[in-house]
């Protein structure tokens, strides 16, 4: 299985444990968090992860995954969130 991750406006793929750990580490330390100092704070950056038999390199390939995990991390507060999204195959 290949780990596919979309964050930082591009796709990242891991073919083994070391590559996957590097992706997880980068996600946990580099996602831009919300900016509460602005008058209208917006949400922070999220990462989407999935497993598939093939590397996903574009949005059309996103249909290869059967489930998706959305990750958000706020490194300034130490909080984060996960959202698991099953896909029924018709999307």
PDB file of N, CA and C in Angstrom:
ATOM      1  N   UNK A   1       0.833  -1.188   0.000  1.00  0.00           N
ATOM      2  CA  UNK A   1       0.000   0.000   0.000  1.00  0.00           C
ATOM      3  C   UNK A   1       0.874   1.246   0.000  1.00  0.00           C
ATOM      4  N   UNK A   2       0.405   2.255  -0.673  1.00  0.00           N
ATOM      5  CA  UNK A   2       1.111   3.532  -0.765  1.00  0.00           C
ATOM      6  C   UNK A   2       0.341   4.576   0.033  1.00  0.00           C
ATOM      7  N   UNK A   3       1.071   5.324   0.860  1.00  0.00           N
ATOM      8  CA  UNK A   3       0.467   6.443   1.570  1.00  0.00           C
ATOM      9  C   UNK A   3       0.500   7.646   0.644  1.00  0.00           C
ATOM     10  N   UNK A   4      -0.653   8.253   0.442  1.00  0.00           N
ATOM     11  CA  UNK A   4      -0.778   9.455  -0.383  1.00  0.00           C
ATOM     12  C   UNK A   4      -1.214  10.594   0.520  1.00  0.00           C
ATOM     13  N   UNK A   5      -0.560  11.731   0.409  1.00  0.00           N
ATOM     14  CA  UNK A   5      -0.899  12.881   1.243  1.00  0.00           C
ATOM     15  C   UNK A   5      -0.934  14.130   0.379  1.00  0.00           C
ATOM     16  N   UNK A   6      -1.958  14.947   0.600  1.00  0.00           N
ATOM     17  CA  UNK A   6      -2.060  16.219  -0.096  1.00  0.00           C
ATOM     18  C   UNK A   6      -2.008  17.329   0.940  1.00  0.00           C
ATOM     19  N   UNK A   7      -0.943  18.111   0.900  1.00  0.00           N
ATOM     20  CA  UNK A   7      -0.788  19.286   1.762  1.00  0.00           C
ATOM     21  C   UNK A   7       0.261  20.186   1.125  1.00  0.00           C
ATOM     22  N   UNK A   8       0.250  21.435   1.534  1.00  0.00           N
ATOM     23  CA  UNK A   8       1.198  22.373   0.933  1.00  0.00           C
ATOM     24  C   UNK A   8       0.964  22.561  -0.555  1.00  0.00           C
ATOM     25  N   UNK A   9      -0.274  22.375  -0.998  1.00  0.00           N
ATOM     26  CA  UNK A   9      -0.680  22.553  -2.404  1.00  0.00           C
ATOM     27  C   UNK A   9      -0.040  21.553  -3.349  1.00  0.00           C
ATOM     28  N   UNK A  10       0.406  20.396  -2.825  1.00  0.00           N
ATOM     29  CA  UNK A  10       0.954  19.366  -3.717  1.00  0.00           C
ATOM     30  C   UNK A  10       0.816  17.990  -3.089  1.00  0.00           C
ATOM     31  N   UNK A  11       1.006  16.959  -3.917  1.00  0.00           N
ATOM     32  CA  UNK A  11       0.925  15.572  -3.484  1.00  0.00           C
ATOM     33  C   UNK A  11       2.272  15.086  -2.976  1.00  0.00           C
ATOM     34  N   UNK A  12       2.228  14.248  -1.948  1.00  0.00           N
ATOM     35  CA  UNK A  12       3.403  13.577  -1.390  1.00  0.00           C
ATOM     36  C   UNK A  12       3.038  12.097  -1.308  1.00  0.00           C
ATOM     37  N   UNK A  13       3.962  11.218  -1.668  1.00  0.00           N
ATOM     38  CA  UNK A  13       3.680   9.785  -1.663  1.00  0.00           C
ATOM     39  C   UNK A  13       4.782   9.055  -0.911  1.00  0.00           C
ATOM     40  N   UNK A  14       4.398   8.031  -0.156  1.00  0.00           N
ATOM     41  CA  UNK A  14       5.352   7.223   0.600  1.00  0.00           C
ATOM     42  C   UNK A  14       5.178   5.759   0.242  1.00  0.00           C
ATOM     43  N   UNK A  15       6.295   5.129  -0.106  1.00  0.00           N
ATOM     44  CA  UNK A  15       6.274   3.719  -0.478  1.00  0.00           C
ATOM     45  C   UNK A  15       6.770   2.801   0.631  1.00  0.00           C
ATOM     46  N   UNK A  16       7.126   3.353   1.768  1.00  0.00           N
ATOM     47  CA  UNK A  16       7.618   2.546   2.879  1.00  0.00           C
ATOM     48  C   UNK A  16       7.502   3.291   4.191  1.00  0.00           C
ATOM     49  N   UNK A  17       7.885   2.607   5.265  1.00  0.00           N
ATOM     50  CA  UNK A  17       7.743   3.188   6.597  1.00  0.00           C
ATOM     51  C   UNK A  17       8.558   4.462   6.791  1.00  0.00           C
ATOM     52  N   UNK A  18       9.790   4.505   6.331  1.00  0.00           N
ATOM     53  CA  UNK A  18      10.623   5.692   6.527  1.00  0.00           C
ATOM     54  C   UNK A  18      10.052   6.906   5.794  1.00  0.00           C
ATOM     55  N   UNK A  19       9.594   6.694   4.574  1.00  0.00           N
ATOM     56  CA  UNK A  19       8.987   7.797   3.821  1.00  0.00           C
ATOM     57  C   UNK A  19       7.690   8.248   4.484  1.00  0.00           C
ATOM     58  N   UNK A  20       6.896   7.299   4.982  1.00  0.00           N
ATOM     59  CA  UNK A  20       5.649   7.651   5.657  1.00  0.00           C
ATOM     60  C   UNK A  20       5.930   8.446   6.928  1.00  0.00           C
ATOM     61  N   UNK A  21       6.914   8.032   7.702  1.00  0.00           N
ATOM     62  CA  UNK A  21       7.259   8.764   8.920  1.00  0.00           C
ATOM     63  C   UNK A  21       7.725  10.180   8.598  1.00  0.00           C
ATOM     64  N   UNK A  22       8.447  10.349   7.500  1.00  0.00           N
ATOM     65  CA  UNK A  22       8.885  11.690   7.095  1.00  0.00           C
ATOM     66  C   UNK A  22       7.686  12.567   6.741  1.00  0.00           C
ATOM     67  N   UNK A  23       6.702  11.996   6.060  1.00  0.00           N
ATOM     68  CA  UNK A  23       5.488  12.745   5.727  1.00  0.00           C
ATOM     69  C   UNK A  23       4.734  13.122   6.997  1.00  0.00           C
ATOM     70  N   UNK A  24       4.541  12.163   7.912  1.00  0.00           N
ATOM     71  CA  UNK A  24       3.840  12.454   9.164  1.00  0.00           C
ATOM     72  C   UNK A  24       4.549  13.553   9.942  1.00  0.00           C
ATOM     73  N   UNK A  25       5.861  13.473  10.007  1.00  0.00           N
ATOM     74  CA  UNK A  25       6.646  14.479  10.732  1.00  0.00           C
ATOM     75  C   UNK A  25       6.480  15.862  10.110  1.00  0.00           C
ATOM     76  N   UNK A  26       6.538  15.921   8.790  1.00  0.00           N
ATOM     77  CA  UNK A  26       6.385  17.203   8.107  1.00  0.00           C
ATOM     78  C   UNK A  26       4.986  17.783   8.333  1.00  0.00           C
ATOM     79  N   UNK A  27       3.972  16.935   8.290  1.00  0.00           N
ATOM     80  CA  UNK A  27       2.608  17.394   8.534  1.00  0.00           C
ATOM     81  C   UNK A  27       2.491  17.972   9.941  1.00  0.00           C
ATOM     82  N   UNK A  28       3.007  17.258  10.926  1.00  0.00           N
ATOM     83  CA  UNK A  28       2.860  17.684  12.318  1.00  0.00           C
ATOM     84  C   UNK A  28       3.614  18.971  12.632  1.00  0.00           C
ATOM     85  N   UNK A  29       4.641  19.290  11.862  1.00  0.00           N
ATOM     86  CA  UNK A  29       5.450  20.472  12.175  1.00  0.00           C
ATOM     87  C   UNK A  29       5.260  21.637  11.213  1.00  0.00           C
ATOM     88  N   UNK A  30       4.647  21.400  10.065  1.00  0.00           N
ATOM     89  CA  UNK A  30       4.664  22.474   9.069  1.00  0.00           C
ATOM     90  C   UNK A  30       3.297  23.009   8.645  1.00  0.00           C
ATOM     91  N   UNK A  31       2.205  22.370   9.053  1.00  0.00           N
ATOM     92  CA  UNK A  31       0.906  22.895   8.637  1.00  0.00           C
ATOM     93  C   UNK A  31       0.695  24.283   9.237  1.00  0.00           C
ATOM     94  N   UNK A  32       0.277  25.205   8.388  1.00  0.00           N
ATOM     95  CA  UNK A  32       0.014  26.578   8.821  1.00  0.00           C
ATOM     96  C   UNK A  32      -1.262  26.572   9.648  1.00  0.00           C
ATOM     97  N   UNK A  33      -1.184  27.118  10.874  1.00  0.00           N
ATOM     98  CA  UNK A  33      -2.360  27.142  11.732  1.00  0.00           C
ATOM     99  C   UNK A  33      -3.139  28.431  11.534  1.00  0.00           C
ATOM    100  N   UNK A  34      -4.338  28.465  12.110  1.00  0.00           N
ATOM    101  CA  UNK A  34      -5.182  29.649  11.956  1.00  0.00           C
ATOM    102  C   UNK A  34      -4.493  30.866  12.558  1.00  0.00           C
ATOM    103  N   UNK A  35      -4.773  32.017  11.999  1.00  0.00           N
ATOM    104  CA  UNK A  35      -4.204  33.272  12.480  1.00  0.00           C
ATOM    105  C   UNK A  35      -5.285  34.022  13.255  1.00  0.00           C
ATOM    106  N   UNK A  36      -5.286  33.871  14.573  1.00  0.00           N
ATOM    107  CA  UNK A  36      -6.322  34.484  15.414  1.00  0.00           C
ATOM    108  C   UNK A  36      -6.109  35.976  15.608  1.00  0.00           C
ATOM    109  N   UNK A  37      -4.997  36.521  15.138  1.00  0.00           N
ATOM    110  CA  UNK A  37      -4.734  37.949  15.330  1.00  0.00           C
ATOM    111  C   UNK A  37      -5.490  38.814  14.324  1.00  0.00           C
ATOM    112  N   UNK A  38      -5.995  38.217  13.260  1.00  0.00           N
ATOM    113  CA  UNK A  38      -6.743  38.985  12.258  1.00  0.00           C
ATOM    114  C   UNK A  38      -8.176  39.206  12.725  1.00  0.00           C
ATOM    115  N   UNK A  39      -8.822  40.197  12.149  1.00  0.00           N
ATOM    116  CA  UNK A  39     -10.207  40.490  12.512  1.00  0.00           C
ATOM    117  C   UNK A  39     -11.124  39.309  12.211  1.00  0.00           C
ATOM    118  N   UNK A  40     -10.894  38.644  11.072  1.00  0.00           N
ATOM    119  CA  UNK A  40     -11.688  37.490  10.672  1.00  0.00           C
ATOM    120  C   UNK A  40     -10.771  36.285  10.517  1.00  0.00           C
ATOM    121  N   UNK A  41     -10.499  35.580  11.611  1.00  0.00           N
ATOM    122  CA  UNK A  41      -9.593  34.435  11.506  1.00  0.00           C
ATOM    123  C   UNK A  41     -10.147  33.366  10.572  1.00  0.00           C
ATOM    124  N   UNK A  42      -9.282  32.771   9.832  1.00  0.00           N
ATOM    125  CA  UNK A  42      -9.685  31.677   8.952  1.00  0.00           C
ATOM    126  C   UNK A  42      -9.109  30.377   9.469  1.00  0.00           C
ATOM    127  N   UNK A  43      -9.577  29.283   8.917  1.00  0.00           N
ATOM    128  CA  UNK A  43      -9.062  27.990   9.357  1.00  0.00           C
ATOM    129  C   UNK A  43      -7.609  27.815   8.930  1.00  0.00           C
ATOM    130  N   UNK A  44      -6.947  26.961   9.610  1.00  0.00           N
ATOM    131  CA  UNK A  44      -5.577  26.658   9.242  1.00  0.00           C
ATOM    132  C   UNK A  44      -5.524  25.689   8.076  1.00  0.00           C
ATOM    133  N   UNK A  45      -4.326  25.349   7.697  1.00  0.00           N
ATOM    134  CA  UNK A  45      -4.111  24.415   6.595  1.00  0.00           C
ATOM    135  C   UNK A  45      -4.403  22.993   7.062  1.00  0.00           C
ATOM    136  N   UNK A  46      -4.892  22.159   6.167  1.00  0.00           N
ATOM    137  CA  UNK A  46      -5.155  20.759   6.484  1.00  0.00           C
ATOM    138  C   UNK A  46      -4.354  19.865   5.544  1.00  0.00           C
ATOM    139  N   UNK A  47      -4.185  18.626   5.955  1.00  0.00           N
ATOM    140  CA  UNK A  47      -3.565  17.601   5.115  1.00  0.00           C
ATOM    141  C   UNK A  47      -4.582  16.481   4.934  1.00  0.00           C
ATOM    142  N   UNK A  48      -4.665  15.981   3.719  1.00  0.00           N
ATOM    143  CA  UNK A  48      -5.532  14.836   3.416  1.00  0.00           C
ATOM    144  C   UNK A  48      -4.657  13.629   3.151  1.00  0.00           C
ATOM    145  N   UNK A  49      -4.950  12.504   3.799  1.00  0.00           N
ATOM    146  CA  UNK A  49      -4.167  11.287   3.645  1.00  0.00           C
ATOM    147  C   UNK A  49      -5.059  10.135   3.221  1.00  0.00           C
ATOM    148  N   UNK A  50      -4.490   9.218   2.452  1.00  0.00           N
ATOM    149  CA  UNK A  50      -5.212   8.008   2.064  1.00  0.00           C
ATOM    150  C   UNK A  50      -4.203   6.935   1.680  1.00  0.00           C
ATOM    151  N   UNK A  51      -4.659   5.705   1.652  1.00  0.00           N
ATOM    152  CA  UNK A  51      -3.863   4.588   1.170  1.00  0.00           C
ATOM    153  C   UNK A  51      -4.473   4.071  -0.122  1.00  0.00           C
ATOM    154  N   UNK A  52      -3.628   3.647  -1.049  1.00  0.00           N
ATOM    155  CA  UNK A  52      -4.106   3.060  -2.295  1.00  0.00           C
ATOM    156  C   UNK A  52      -3.031   2.144  -2.861  1.00  0.00           C
ATOM    157  N   UNK A  53      -3.394   1.393  -3.874  1.00  0.00           N
ATOM    158  CA  UNK A  53      -2.442   0.493  -4.529  1.00  0.00           C
ATOM    159  C   UNK A  53      -1.483   1.250  -5.449  1.00  0.00           C
ATOM    160  N   UNK A  54      -1.901   2.431  -5.909  1.00  0.00           N
ATOM    161  CA  UNK A  54      -1.096   3.248  -6.822  1.00  0.00           C
ATOM    162  C   UNK A  54      -0.855   4.619  -6.209  1.00  0.00           C
ATOM    163  N   UNK A  55       0.234   5.261  -6.651  1.00  0.00           N
ATOM    164  CA  UNK A  55       0.477   6.637  -6.221  1.00  0.00           C
ATOM    165  C   UNK A  55      -0.601   7.552  -6.774  1.00  0.00           C
ATOM    166  N   UNK A  56      -1.088   8.436  -5.936  1.00  0.00           N
ATOM    167  CA  UNK A  56      -2.030   9.460  -6.378  1.00  0.00           C
ATOM    168  C   UNK A  56      -1.220  10.728  -6.605  1.00  0.00           C
ATOM    169  N   UNK A  57      -1.332  11.277  -7.797  1.00  0.00           N
ATOM    170  CA  UNK A  57      -0.551  12.481  -8.118  1.00  0.00           C
ATOM    171  C   UNK A  57      -1.421  13.634  -8.590  1.00  0.00           C
ATOM    172  N   UNK A  58      -2.715  13.422  -8.657  1.00  0.00           N
ATOM    173  CA  UNK A  58      -3.625  14.473  -9.093  1.00  0.00           C
ATOM    174  C   UNK A  58      -5.026  14.193  -8.577  1.00  0.00           C
ATOM    175  N   UNK A  59      -5.887  15.159  -8.710  1.00  0.00           N
ATOM    176  CA  UNK A  59      -7.225  15.019  -8.151  1.00  0.00           C
ATOM    177  C   UNK A  59      -8.023  13.886  -8.805  1.00  0.00           C
ATOM    178  N   UNK A  60      -7.768  13.550 -10.060  1.00  0.00           N
ATOM    179  CA  UNK A  60      -8.474  12.417 -10.677  1.00  0.00           C
ATOM    180  C   UNK A  60      -8.101  11.116  -9.982  1.00  0.00           C
ATOM    181  N   UNK A  61      -6.862  10.992  -9.579  1.00  0.00           N
ATOM    182  CA  UNK A  61      -6.415   9.794  -8.875  1.00  0.00           C
ATOM    183  C   UNK A  61      -6.991   9.655  -7.484  1.00  0.00           C
ATOM    184  N   UNK A  62      -7.531  10.735  -6.954  1.00  0.00           N
ATOM    185  CA  UNK A  62      -8.118  10.733  -5.614  1.00  0.00           C
ATOM    186  C   UNK A  62      -9.202   9.681  -5.495  1.00  0.00           C
ATOM    187  N   UNK A  63      -9.843   9.333  -6.602  1.00  0.00           N
ATOM    188  CA  UNK A  63     -10.899   8.317  -6.596  1.00  0.00           C
ATOM    189  C   UNK A  63     -10.357   6.908  -6.372  1.00  0.00           C
ATOM    190  N   UNK A  64      -9.036   6.738  -6.405  1.00  0.00           N
ATOM    191  CA  UNK A  64      -8.445   5.428  -6.160  1.00  0.00           C
ATOM    192  C   UNK A  64      -8.523   5.041  -4.689  1.00  0.00           C
ATOM    193  N   UNK A  65      -8.686   6.000  -3.808  1.00  0.00           N
ATOM    194  CA  UNK A  65      -8.711   5.706  -2.380  1.00  0.00           C
ATOM    195  C   UNK A  65     -10.116   5.326  -1.934  1.00  0.00           C
ATOM    196  N   UNK A  66     -10.202   4.456  -0.928  1.00  0.00           N
ATOM    197  CA  UNK A  66     -11.501   4.039  -0.410  1.00  0.00           C
ATOM    198  C   UNK A  66     -11.833   4.733   0.909  1.00  0.00           C
ATOM    199  N   UNK A  67     -10.894   5.461   1.459  1.00  0.00           N
ATOM    200  CA  UNK A  67     -11.137   6.240   2.660  1.00  0.00           C
ATOM    201  C   UNK A  67     -10.100   7.345   2.741  1.00  0.00           C
ATOM    202  N   UNK A  68     -10.409   8.381   3.513  1.00  0.00           N
ATOM    203  CA  UNK A  68      -9.527   9.544   3.595  1.00  0.00           C
ATOM    204  C   UNK A  68      -9.489  10.048   5.028  1.00  0.00           C
ATOM    205  N   UNK A  69      -8.350  10.549   5.411  1.00  0.00           N
ATOM    206  CA  UNK A  69      -8.172  11.119   6.737  1.00  0.00           C
ATOM    207  C   UNK A  69      -7.744  12.569   6.578  1.00  0.00           C
ATOM    208  N   UNK A  70      -8.502  13.476   7.191  1.00  0.00           N
ATOM    209  CA  UNK A  70      -8.172  14.896   7.166  1.00  0.00           C
ATOM    210  C   UNK A  70      -7.500  15.240   8.497  1.00  0.00           C
ATOM    211  N   UNK A  71      -6.344  15.901   8.435  1.00  0.00           N
ATOM    212  CA  UNK A  71      -5.564  16.234   9.623  1.00  0.00           C
ATOM    213  C   UNK A  71      -5.344  17.736   9.670  1.00  0.00           C
ATOM    214  N   UNK A  72      -5.526  18.296  10.854  1.00  0.00           N
ATOM    215  CA  UNK A  72      -5.234  19.707  11.079  1.00  0.00           C
ATOM    216  C   UNK A  72      -4.457  19.808  12.387  1.00  0.00           C
ATOM    217  N   UNK A  73      -3.412  20.636  12.402  1.00  0.00           N
ATOM    218  CA  UNK A  73      -2.563  20.777  13.580  1.00  0.00           C
ATOM    219  C   UNK A  73      -2.324  22.252  13.836  1.00  0.00           C
ATOM    220  N   UNK A  74      -2.449  22.660  15.095  1.00  0.00           N
ATOM    221  CA  UNK A  74      -2.097  24.022  15.487  1.00  0.00           C
ATOM    222  C   UNK A  74      -0.869  23.922  16.377  1.00  0.00           C
ATOM    223  N   UNK A  75       0.307  24.140  15.800  1.00  0.00           N
ATOM    224  CA  UNK A  75       1.547  23.969  16.549  1.00  0.00           C
ATOM    225  C   UNK A  75       1.708  25.007  17.651  1.00  0.00           C
ATOM    226  N   UNK A  76       1.046  26.159  17.540  1.00  0.00           N
ATOM    227  CA  UNK A  76       1.191  27.183  18.571  1.00  0.00           C
ATOM    228  C   UNK A  76       0.417  26.828  19.843  1.00  0.00           C
ATOM    229  N   UNK A  77      -0.680  26.070  19.727  1.00  0.00           N
ATOM    230  CA  UNK A  77      -1.468  25.694  20.908  1.00  0.00           C
ATOM    231  C   UNK A  77      -1.264  24.239  21.306  1.00  0.00           C
ATOM    232  N   UNK A  78      -0.745  23.423  20.394  1.00  0.00           N
ATOM    233  CA  UNK A  78      -0.569  22.009  20.678  1.00  0.00           C
ATOM    234  C   UNK A  78      -1.813  21.177  20.434  1.00  0.00           C
ATOM    235  N   UNK A  79      -2.841  21.758  19.819  1.00  0.00           N
ATOM    236  CA  UNK A  79      -4.073  21.039  19.522  1.00  0.00           C
ATOM    237  C   UNK A  79      -4.142  20.666  18.045  1.00  0.00           C
ATOM    238  N   UNK A  80      -4.984  19.704  17.754  1.00  0.00           N
ATOM    239  CA  UNK A  80      -5.193  19.301  16.378  1.00  0.00           C
ATOM    240  C   UNK A  80      -6.521  18.589  16.254  1.00  0.00           C
ATOM    241  N   UNK A  81      -6.823  18.144  15.048  1.00  0.00           N
ATOM    242  CA  UNK A  81      -8.084  17.446  14.806  1.00  0.00           C
ATOM    243  C   UNK A  81      -7.906  16.433  13.691  1.00  0.00           C
ATOM    244  N   UNK A  82      -8.691  15.375  13.763  1.00  0.00           N
ATOM    245  CA  UNK A  82      -8.729  14.335  12.737  1.00  0.00           C
ATOM    246  C   UNK A  82     -10.176  14.146  12.296  1.00  0.00           C
ATOM    247  N   UNK A  83     -10.370  13.910  11.007  1.00  0.00           N
ATOM    248  CA  UNK A  83     -11.702  13.599  10.484  1.00  0.00           C
ATOM    249  C   UNK A  83     -11.547  12.457   9.486  1.00  0.00           C
ATOM    250  N   UNK A  84     -12.121  11.301   9.788  1.00  0.00           N
ATOM    251  CA  UNK A  84     -12.060  10.130   8.921  1.00  0.00           C
ATOM    252  C   UNK A  84     -13.257  10.155   7.982  1.00  0.00           C
ATOM    253  N   UNK A  85     -13.017  10.011   6.674  1.00  0.00           N
ATOM    254  CA  UNK A  85     -14.090  10.080   5.691  1.00  0.00           C
ATOM    255  C   UNK A  85     -14.091   8.818   4.835  1.00  0.00           C
ATOM    256  N   UNK A  86     -15.058   7.905   5.054  1.00  0.00           N
ATOM    257  CA  UNK A  86     -15.163   6.748   4.161  1.00  0.00           C
ATOM    258  C   UNK A  86     -15.725   7.188   2.820  1.00  0.00           C
ATOM    259  N   UNK A  87     -15.297   6.521   1.768  1.00  0.00           N
ATOM    260  CA  UNK A  87     -15.749   6.834   0.417  1.00  0.00           C
ATOM    261  C   UNK A  87     -16.475   5.614  -0.117  1.00  0.00           C
ATOM    262  N   UNK A  88     -17.645   5.834  -0.708  1.00  0.00           N
ATOM    263  CA  UNK A  88     -18.466   4.704  -1.162  1.00  0.00           C
ATOM    264  C   UNK A  88     -18.121   4.203  -2.564  1.00  0.00           C
ATOM    265  N   UNK A  89     -17.159   4.822  -3.209  1.00  0.00           N
ATOM    266  CA  UNK A  89     -16.766   4.377  -4.531  1.00  0.00           C
ATOM    267  C   UNK A  89     -17.479   5.069  -5.655  1.00  0.00           C
ATOM    268  N   UNK A  90     -18.521   5.830  -5.381  1.00  0.00           N
ATOM    269  CA  UNK A  90     -19.269   6.526  -6.406  1.00  0.00           C
ATOM    270  C   UNK A  90     -18.845   7.979  -6.558  1.00  0.00           C
ATOM    271  N   UNK A  91     -17.839   8.412  -5.789  1.00  0.00           N
ATOM    272  CA  UNK A  91     -17.413   9.817  -5.858  1.00  0.00           C
ATOM    273  C   UNK A  91     -16.295  10.001  -6.835  1.00  0.00           C
TER     274      UNK A  91
END
